[in-house]
Amino acid sequence: MTKTLILPRHVGKTEYLLNRLHELQSDADGTPLHHMVHALGKDEIESQSIERVSLDSLGNRPAQLRRSAGKCIFTVLGYEHEEDELYLIPNVRSYFQLASSLDPHWLFTSRLSMPSATMIVLSCLKSFTCIRSESTVCVTYHTQPVRELLDSWTPLYRKLQYLARTPKLPMRRDLRAFRKRLGIL
């Protein structure tokens, strides 16, 4: 089965995020947002240095995990002048594939309602097709690899949720909505 997503152009690029931050004062349900923006530099991407996004950098104590749960927005600096979307740039793709295979906690820390979380999943896929317009991108992919990817991260997600002693319902709701948006519910 395939799924097509329509995304805004330049998702995950810093300029896109900065232009949208003023709009992002609350979630769809009215919950105030408290962001933790992880701005990854082009040098980190090209050197494949995942230390700043590793679980160790967030701390392994419950209070530290609780503070970061569902609050991180990932953005990438240094590619603003590239015409391609971040998930089409080979260095960015290999960075997120490496980070997700070695330390896939980003699903737990990521604000799943943000398009940047979708950008990371697309970066981890081996194949998909894109059709670009001036303001949007239509991305079509097979859902089975996405399902397998998210299923492989789910045990860690649940373990971190338990360690952080975070409320289960909001985080399950967010993960369920994310899976639904990606077409794999």
C-alpha atoms as a PDB file:
ATOM      1  CA  MET A   1       0.000   0.000   0.000  1.00  0.00           C
ATOM      2  CA  THR A   2       1.217   3.524  -0.724  1.00  0.00           C
ATOM      3  CA  LYS A   3       0.555   6.840   0.983  1.00  0.00           C
ATOM      4  CA  THR A   4       0.895  10.375  -0.340  1.00  0.00           C
ATOM      5  CA  LEU A   5       1.658  13.280   1.974  1.00  0.00           C
ATOM      6  CA  ILE A   6       1.449  16.926   1.032  1.00  0.00           C
ATOM      7  CA  LEU A   7       4.083  18.862   2.943  1.00  0.00           C
ATOM      8  CA  PRO A   8       5.146  22.493   2.916  1.00  0.00           C
ATOM      9  CA  ARG A   9       8.427  23.203   1.153  1.00  0.00           C
ATOM     10  CA  HIS A  10      11.635  23.424   3.183  1.00  0.00           C
ATOM     11  CA  VAL A  11      10.365  21.485   6.221  1.00  0.00           C
ATOM     12  CA  GLY A  12      13.094  21.242   8.827  1.00  0.00           C
ATOM     13  CA  LYS A  13      15.121  24.111   7.410  1.00  0.00           C
ATOM     14  CA  THR A  14      15.779  26.779  10.011  1.00  0.00           C
ATOM     15  CA  GLU A  15      14.216  29.634   8.049  1.00  0.00           C
ATOM     16  CA  TYR A  16      10.952  27.657   7.719  1.00  0.00           C
ATOM     17  CA  LEU A  17      10.909  26.944  11.459  1.00  0.00           C
ATOM     18  CA  LEU A  18      11.671  30.514  12.499  1.00  0.00           C
ATOM     19  CA  ASN A  19       8.906  31.814  10.252  1.00  0.00           C
ATOM     20  CA  ARG A  20       6.455  29.409  11.901  1.00  0.00           C
ATOM     21  CA  LEU A  21       7.465  29.643  15.570  1.00  0.00           C
ATOM     22  CA  HIS A  22       5.213  32.632  16.220  1.00  0.00           C
ATOM     23  CA  GLU A  23       2.258  30.531  14.975  1.00  0.00           C
ATOM     24  CA  LEU A  24       3.172  27.635  17.236  1.00  0.00           C
ATOM     25  CA  GLN A  25       2.054  28.954  20.596  1.00  0.00           C
ATOM     26  CA  SER A  26      -0.349  26.067  21.271  1.00  0.00           C
ATOM     27  CA  ASP A  27      -1.135  22.608  19.953  1.00  0.00           C
ATOM     28  CA  ALA A  28      -4.361  21.811  18.095  1.00  0.00           C
ATOM     29  CA  ASP A  29      -6.007  20.912  21.412  1.00  0.00           C
ATOM     30  CA  GLY A  30      -5.023  24.283  22.952  1.00  0.00           C
ATOM     31  CA  THR A  31      -2.153  22.921  25.063  1.00  0.00           C
ATOM     32  CA  PRO A  32       0.585  25.584  25.385  1.00  0.00           C
ATOM     33  CA  LEU A  33       3.753  24.540  23.589  1.00  0.00           C
ATOM     34  CA  HIS A  34       7.128  24.616  25.255  1.00  0.00           C
ATOM     35  CA  HIS A  35       9.685  23.973  22.542  1.00  0.00           C
ATOM     36  CA  MET A  36      13.204  22.636  22.688  1.00  0.00           C
ATOM     37  CA  VAL A  37      14.727  23.407  19.309  1.00  0.00           C
ATOM     38  CA  HIS A  38      17.664  21.231  18.283  1.00  0.00           C
ATOM     39  CA  ALA A  39      19.444  23.146  15.525  1.00  0.00           C
ATOM     40  CA  LEU A  40      21.894  20.779  13.875  1.00  0.00           C
ATOM     41  CA  GLY A  41      24.737  22.372  11.940  1.00  0.00           C
ATOM     42  CA  LYS A  42      25.872  21.385   8.475  1.00  0.00           C
ATOM     43  CA  ASP A  43      29.232  20.390   9.981  1.00  0.00           C
ATOM     44  CA  GLU A  44      27.492  17.928  12.360  1.00  0.00           C
ATOM     45  CA  ILE A  45      25.494  16.509   9.470  1.00  0.00           C
ATOM     46  CA  GLU A  46      28.512  16.085   7.206  1.00  0.00           C
ATOM     47  CA  SER A  47      30.709  14.584   9.957  1.00  0.00           C
ATOM     48  CA  GLN A  48      27.816  12.307  11.032  1.00  0.00           C
ATOM     49  CA  SER A  49      28.277  13.490  14.639  1.00  0.00           C
ATOM     50  CA  ILE A  50      25.166  12.418  16.570  1.00  0.00           C
ATOM     51  CA  GLU A  51      26.421  13.248  20.082  1.00  0.00           C
ATOM     52  CA  ARG A  52      24.130  16.277  20.556  1.00  0.00           C
ATOM     53  CA  VAL A  53      20.999  14.317  19.662  1.00  0.00           C
ATOM     54  CA  SER A  54      21.918  11.173  21.581  1.00  0.00           C
ATOM     55  CA  LEU A  55      19.964  10.076  24.629  1.00  0.00           C
ATOM     56  CA  ASP A  56      23.049  10.708  26.770  1.00  0.00           C
ATOM     57  CA  SER A  57      22.906  14.407  25.867  1.00  0.00           C
ATOM     58  CA  LEU A  58      19.361  14.587  27.254  1.00  0.00           C
ATOM     59  CA  GLY A  59      20.265  12.763  30.439  1.00  0.00           C
ATOM     60  CA  ASN A  60      18.987   9.427  31.587  1.00  0.00           C
ATOM     61  CA  ARG A  61      17.256  10.585  34.758  1.00  0.00           C
ATOM     62  CA  PRO A  62      13.443  10.566  34.830  1.00  0.00           C
ATOM     63  CA  ALA A  63      13.163  14.323  35.423  1.00  0.00           C
ATOM     64  CA  GLN A  64      15.390  15.087  32.421  1.00  0.00           C
ATOM     65  CA  LEU A  65      13.488  12.648  30.198  1.00  0.00           C
ATOM     66  CA  ARG A  66      10.169  14.116  31.322  1.00  0.00           C
ATOM     67  CA  ARG A  67      11.341  17.645  30.413  1.00  0.00           C
ATOM     68  CA  SER A  68      12.230  16.615  26.869  1.00  0.00           C
ATOM     69  CA  ALA A  69       9.341  14.208  26.177  1.00  0.00           C
ATOM     70  CA  GLY A  70       7.450  15.364  23.097  1.00  0.00           C
ATOM     71  CA  LYS A  71       9.002  18.834  23.104  1.00  0.00           C
ATOM     72  CA  CYS A  72      11.913  18.733  20.645  1.00  0.00           C
ATOM     73  CA  ILE A  73      11.765  20.260  17.204  1.00  0.00           C
ATOM     74  CA  PHE A  74      14.680  19.348  14.946  1.00  0.00           C
ATOM     75  CA  THR A  75      15.999  21.775  12.384  1.00  0.00           C
ATOM     76  CA  VAL A  76      19.089  21.759  10.203  1.00  0.00           C
ATOM     77  CA  LEU A  77      21.283  24.820   9.644  1.00  0.00           C
ATOM     78  CA  GLY A  78      23.416  25.402   6.582  1.00  0.00           C
ATOM     79  CA  TYR A  79      21.161  24.102   3.810  1.00  0.00           C
ATOM     80  CA  GLU A  80      18.890  27.143   3.433  1.00  0.00           C
ATOM     81  CA  HIS A  81      20.245  27.899  -0.047  1.00  0.00           C
ATOM     82  CA  GLU A  82      19.810  24.322  -1.247  1.00  0.00           C
ATOM     83  CA  GLU A  83      16.804  23.937  -3.505  1.00  0.00           C
ATOM     84  CA  ASP A  84      16.242  20.327  -2.420  1.00  0.00           C
ATOM     85  CA  GLU A  85      14.207  19.373   0.603  1.00  0.00           C
ATOM     86  CA  LEU A  86      16.301  18.163   3.538  1.00  0.00           C
ATOM     87  CA  TYR A  87      15.044  14.587   3.201  1.00  0.00           C
ATOM     88  CA  LEU A  88      16.398  14.545  -0.373  1.00  0.00           C
ATOM     89  CA  ILE A  89      19.944  15.663   0.536  1.00  0.00           C
ATOM     90  CA  PRO A  90      22.200  12.579   0.829  1.00  0.00           C
ATOM     91  CA  ASN A  91      24.198  13.849   3.851  1.00  0.00           C
ATOM     92  CA  VAL A  92      21.026  14.693   5.783  1.00  0.00           C
ATOM     93  CA  ARG A  93      19.468  11.347   4.886  1.00  0.00           C
ATOM     94  CA  SER A  94      22.517   9.390   6.031  1.00  0.00           C
ATOM     95  CA  TYR A  95      22.756  11.462   9.246  1.00  0.00           C
ATOM     96  CA  PHE A  96      19.182  10.690  10.318  1.00  0.00           C
ATOM     97  CA  GLN A  97      19.491   7.064   9.216  1.00  0.00           C
ATOM     98  CA  LEU A  98      22.596   6.707  11.397  1.00  0.00           C
ATOM     99  CA  ALA A  99      21.089   8.575  14.353  1.00  0.00           C
ATOM    100  CA  SER A 100      17.865   6.580  14.144  1.00  0.00           C
ATOM    101  CA  SER A 101      19.676   3.254  13.976  1.00  0.00           C
ATOM    102  CA  LEU A 102      22.170   3.993  16.775  1.00  0.00           C
ATOM    103  CA  ASP A 103      19.985   6.078  19.091  1.00  0.00           C
ATOM    104  CA  PRO A 104      16.349   6.148  17.953  1.00  0.00           C
ATOM    105  CA  HIS A 105      15.032   8.065  20.974  1.00  0.00           C
ATOM    106  CA  TRP A 106      14.109  11.053  18.786  1.00  0.00           C
ATOM    107  CA  LEU A 107      10.570   9.663  18.432  1.00  0.00           C
ATOM    108  CA  PHE A 108      10.114  10.029  22.196  1.00  0.00           C
ATOM    109  CA  THR A 109      11.563  13.535  22.359  1.00  0.00           C
ATOM    110  CA  SER A 110      10.151  14.864  19.089  1.00  0.00           C
ATOM    111  CA  ARG A 111       7.061  17.014  18.878  1.00  0.00           C
ATOM    112  CA  LEU A 112       5.247  14.605  16.579  1.00  0.00           C
ATOM    113  CA  SER A 113       2.725  17.223  15.461  1.00  0.00           C
ATOM    114  CA  MET A 114       5.523  19.168  13.728  1.00  0.00           C
ATOM    115  CA  PRO A 115       6.408  18.487  10.089  1.00  0.00           C
ATOM    116  CA  SER A 116      10.068  18.119  11.101  1.00  0.00           C
ATOM    117  CA  ALA A 117       9.246  14.715  12.667  1.00  0.00           C
ATOM    118  CA  THR A 118       7.859  13.616   9.298  1.00  0.00           C
ATOM    119  CA  MET A 119      11.040  14.938   7.650  1.00  0.00           C
ATOM    120  CA  ILE A 120      13.136  12.640   9.842  1.00  0.00           C
ATOM    121  CA  VAL A 121      11.022   9.588   8.966  1.00  0.00           C
ATOM    122  CA  LEU A 122      11.270  10.414   5.257  1.00  0.00           C
ATOM    123  CA  SER A 123      15.046  10.751   5.629  1.00  0.00           C
ATOM    124  CA  CYS A 124      15.164   7.214   7.004  1.00  0.00           C
ATOM    125  CA  LEU A 125      13.270   5.646   4.095  1.00  0.00           C
ATOM    126  CA  LYS A 126      15.220   4.007   1.307  1.00  0.00           C
ATOM    127  CA  SER A 127      12.831   5.119  -1.442  1.00  0.00           C
ATOM    128  CA  PHE A 128       9.942   7.466  -2.124  1.00  0.00           C
ATOM    129  CA  THR A 129       8.919   9.825  -4.909  1.00  0.00           C
ATOM    130  CA  CYS A 130       8.478  13.589  -4.745  1.00  0.00           C
ATOM    131  CA  ILE A 131       6.616  16.051  -6.891  1.00  0.00           C
ATOM    132  CA  ARG A 132       7.397  19.663  -6.025  1.00  0.00           C
ATOM    133  CA  SER A 133       5.456  22.824  -6.600  1.00  0.00           C
ATOM    134  CA  GLU A 134       6.434  26.305  -5.504  1.00  0.00           C
ATOM    135  CA  SER A 135       5.018  25.945  -1.988  1.00  0.00           C
ATOM    136  CA  THR A 136       4.384  22.228  -1.389  1.00  0.00           C
ATOM    137  CA  VAL A 137       5.831  18.786  -1.972  1.00  0.00           C
ATOM    138  CA  CYS A 138       3.787  15.642  -2.624  1.00  0.00           C
ATOM    139  CA  VAL A 139       5.681  12.651  -1.246  1.00  0.00           C
ATOM    140  CA  THR A 140       4.534   9.124  -2.101  1.00  0.00           C
ATOM    141  CA  TYR A 141       5.983   6.097  -0.327  1.00  0.00           C
ATOM    142  CA  HIS A 142       5.185   2.500   0.533  1.00  0.00           C
ATOM    143  CA  THR A 143       3.734   2.242   4.042  1.00  0.00           C
ATOM    144  CA  GLN A 144       5.310  -1.103   4.991  1.00  0.00           C
ATOM    145  CA  PRO A 145       8.878   0.272   5.448  1.00  0.00           C
ATOM    146  CA  VAL A 146       7.458   3.137   7.548  1.00  0.00           C
ATOM    147  CA  ARG A 147       5.502   0.662   9.675  1.00  0.00           C
ATOM    148  CA  GLU A 148       8.631  -1.457  10.192  1.00  0.00           C
ATOM    149  CA  LEU A 149      10.699   1.617  11.077  1.00  0.00           C
ATOM    150  CA  LEU A 150       8.222   2.918  13.668  1.00  0.00           C
ATOM    151  CA  ASP A 151       7.594  -0.580  15.027  1.00  0.00           C
ATOM    152  CA  SER A 152      11.340  -0.985  15.594  1.00  0.00           C
ATOM    153  CA  TRP A 153      11.371   2.256  17.635  1.00  0.00           C
ATOM    154  CA  THR A 154       8.225   1.517  19.669  1.00  0.00           C
ATOM    155  CA  PRO A 155       9.828  -0.657  22.408  1.00  0.00           C
ATOM    156  CA  LEU A 156      12.351   2.101  23.188  1.00  0.00           C
ATOM    157  CA  TYR A 157       9.573   4.697  23.107  1.00  0.00           C
ATOM    158  CA  ARG A 158       7.571   2.712  25.684  1.00  0.00           C
ATOM    159  CA  LYS A 159      10.638   2.113  27.863  1.00  0.00           C
ATOM    160  CA  LEU A 160      11.493   5.820  27.908  1.00  0.00           C
ATOM    161  CA  GLN A 161       7.868   6.666  28.641  1.00  0.00           C
ATOM    162  CA  TYR A 162       8.005   4.351  31.663  1.00  0.00           C
ATOM    163  CA  LEU A 163      11.398   5.677  32.850  1.00  0.00           C
ATOM    164  CA  ALA A 164      10.269   9.280  32.493  1.00  0.00           C
ATOM    165  CA  ARG A 165       6.995   8.519  34.250  1.00  0.00           C
ATOM    166  CA  THR A 166       5.173  10.552  31.620  1.00  0.00           C
ATOM    167  CA  PRO A 167       1.398  10.361  31.301  1.00  0.00           C
ATOM    168  CA  LYS A 168       0.564   7.599  28.843  1.00  0.00           C
ATOM    169  CA  LEU A 169      -2.577   8.980  27.251  1.00  0.00           C
ATOM    170  CA  PRO A 170      -1.249  12.219  25.690  1.00  0.00           C
ATOM    171  CA  MET A 171       1.898  10.540  24.390  1.00  0.00           C
ATOM    172  CA  ARG A 172      -0.021   7.535  23.047  1.00  0.00           C
ATOM    173  CA  ARG A 173      -2.466   9.920  21.407  1.00  0.00           C
ATOM    174  CA  ASP A 174       0.398  11.836  19.768  1.00  0.00           C
ATOM    175  CA  LEU A 175       2.085   8.640  18.560  1.00  0.00           C
ATOM    176  CA  ARG A 176      -1.217   7.286  17.251  1.00  0.00           C
ATOM    177  CA  ALA A 177      -1.941  10.553  15.385  1.00  0.00           C
ATOM    178  CA  PHE A 178       1.599  10.495  13.934  1.00  0.00           C
ATOM    179  CA  ARG A 179       1.176   6.910  12.728  1.00  0.00           C
ATOM    180  CA  LYS A 180      -2.226   7.811  11.253  1.00  0.00           C
ATOM    181  CA  ARG A 181      -0.781  10.839   9.422  1.00  0.00           C
ATOM    182  CA  LEU A 182       1.908   8.573   7.961  1.00  0.00           C
ATOM    183  CA  GLY A 183      -0.770   6.097   6.854  1.00  0.00           C
ATOM    184  CA  ILE A 184       0.236   3.155   9.020  1.00  0.00           C
ATOM    185  CA  LEU A 185      -2.417   2.907  11.699  1.00  0.00           C
END
